Amino acid sequence: MNNEQKGQLYHSLLLQHDRLDGQIADIKSESAGMELNETQKSKLDLLEQQKSELVRKAISLMNS
């Protein structure tokens, strides 16, 4: 994979990460300062796991 392809993939990973951040913010704003329900907590956990995976992929990409 050349540097241009790596750059495009890295950009794609960042966009996905930003999208997940937006989804997390939406869920947190739904609670409006109240405690999150179990469904919201589960969704947040899943989204955070997905973000971690994207970060892992980005780090791996930059180290290759």
C-alpha atoms as a PDB file:
ATOM      1  CA  MET A   1       0.000   0.000   0.000  1.00  0.00           C
ATOM      2  CA  ASN A   2       1.479   3.345  -1.005  1.00  0.00           C
ATOM      3  CA  ASN A   3       1.378   6.515   1.080  1.00  0.00           C
ATOM      4  CA  GLU A   4      -1.557   7.979  -0.844  1.00  0.00           C
ATOM      5  CA  GLN A   5      -3.639   4.873  -0.198  1.00  0.00           C
ATOM      6  CA  LYS A   6      -2.637   4.933   3.466  1.00  0.00           C
ATOM      7  CA  GLY A   7      -3.673   8.573   3.650  1.00  0.00           C
ATOM      8  CA  GLN A   8      -7.063   7.844   2.132  1.00  0.00           C
ATOM      9  CA  LEU A   9      -7.654   4.938   4.500  1.00  0.00           C
ATOM     10  CA  TYR A  10      -6.519   7.008   7.486  1.00  0.00           C
ATOM     11  CA  HIS A  11      -8.904   9.796   6.459  1.00  0.00           C
ATOM     12  CA  SER A  12     -11.724   7.270   6.180  1.00  0.00           C
ATOM     13  CA  LEU A  13     -10.956   5.942   9.665  1.00  0.00           C
ATOM     14  CA  LEU A  14     -11.016   9.482  11.074  1.00  0.00           C
ATOM     15  CA  LEU A  15     -14.386  10.176   9.469  1.00  0.00           C
ATOM     16  CA  GLN A  16     -15.800   6.979  10.951  1.00  0.00           C
ATOM     17  CA  HIS A  17     -14.363   7.938  14.352  1.00  0.00           C
ATOM     18  CA  ASP A  18     -15.997  11.379  14.125  1.00  0.00           C
ATOM     19  CA  ARG A  19     -19.316   9.788  13.166  1.00  0.00           C
ATOM     20  CA  LEU A  20     -19.142   7.532  16.229  1.00  0.00           C
ATOM     21  CA  ASP A  21     -18.321  10.560  18.406  1.00  0.00           C
ATOM     22  CA  GLY A  22     -21.447  12.236  17.068  1.00  0.00           C
ATOM     23  CA  GLN A  23     -23.575   9.201  17.872  1.00  0.00           C
ATOM     24  CA  ILE A  24     -22.156   9.107  21.394  1.00  0.00           C
ATOM     25  CA  ALA A  25     -22.909  12.810  21.866  1.00  0.00           C
ATOM     26  CA  ASP A  26     -26.471  12.251  20.637  1.00  0.00           C
ATOM     27  CA  ILE A  27     -27.069   9.476  23.147  1.00  0.00           C
ATOM     28  CA  LYS A  28     -25.622  11.515  25.987  1.00  0.00           C
ATOM     29  CA  SER A  29     -27.753  14.525  25.057  1.00  0.00           C
ATOM     30  CA  GLU A  30     -30.883  12.353  25.110  1.00  0.00           C
ATOM     31  CA  SER A  31     -30.424  11.830  28.832  1.00  0.00           C
ATOM     32  CA  ALA A  32     -30.356  15.624  29.404  1.00  0.00           C
ATOM     33  CA  GLY A  33     -28.322  15.365  32.590  1.00  0.00           C
ATOM     34  CA  MET A  34     -30.215  12.360  33.891  1.00  0.00           C
ATOM     35  CA  GLU A  35     -28.771   8.903  34.281  1.00  0.00           C
ATOM     36  CA  LEU A  36     -28.519   6.817  31.125  1.00  0.00           C
ATOM     37  CA  ASN A  37     -30.815   3.822  30.849  1.00  0.00           C
ATOM     38  CA  GLU A  38     -29.455   0.327  30.216  1.00  0.00           C
ATOM     39  CA  THR A  39     -30.129   0.477  26.482  1.00  0.00           C
ATOM     40  CA  GLN A  40     -28.221   3.767  26.198  1.00  0.00           C
ATOM     41  CA  LYS A  41     -25.345   2.398  28.283  1.00  0.00           C
ATOM     42  CA  SER A  42     -25.123  -0.698  26.096  1.00  0.00           C
ATOM     43  CA  LYS A  43     -25.138   1.390  22.934  1.00  0.00           C
ATOM     44  CA  LEU A  44     -22.423   3.680  24.357  1.00  0.00           C
ATOM     45  CA  ASP A  45     -20.267   0.676  25.256  1.00  0.00           C
ATOM     46  CA  LEU A  46     -20.612  -0.708  21.737  1.00  0.00           C
ATOM     47  CA  LEU A  47     -19.781   2.651  20.141  1.00  0.00           C
ATOM     48  CA  GLU A  48     -16.737   3.081  22.411  1.00  0.00           C
ATOM     49  CA  GLN A  49     -15.527  -0.393  21.414  1.00  0.00           C
ATOM     50  CA  GLN A  50     -15.929   0.538  17.754  1.00  0.00           C
ATOM     51  CA  LYS A  51     -13.942   3.746  18.316  1.00  0.00           C
ATOM     52  CA  SER A  52     -11.158   1.779  20.006  1.00  0.00           C
ATOM     53  CA  GLU A  53     -11.017  -0.600  17.065  1.00  0.00           C
ATOM     54  CA  LEU A  54     -10.721   2.325  14.640  1.00  0.00           C
ATOM     55  CA  VAL A  55      -7.867   3.786  16.686  1.00  0.00           C
ATOM     56  CA  ARG A  56      -6.138   0.399  16.692  1.00  0.00           C
ATOM     57  CA  LYS A  57      -6.485   0.195  12.913  1.00  0.00           C
ATOM     58  CA  ALA A  58      -5.135   3.732  12.459  1.00  0.00           C
ATOM     59  CA  ILE A  59      -2.115   3.014  14.643  1.00  0.00           C
ATOM     60  CA  SER A  60      -1.474  -0.227  12.792  1.00  0.00           C
ATOM     61  CA  LEU A  61      -1.756   1.596   9.462  1.00  0.00           C
ATOM     62  CA  MET A  62       0.762   4.233  10.503  1.00  0.00           C
ATOM     63  CA  ASN A  63       3.210   1.581  11.749  1.00  0.00           C
ATOM     64  CA  SER A  64       3.093  -0.421   8.524  1.00  0.00           C
END
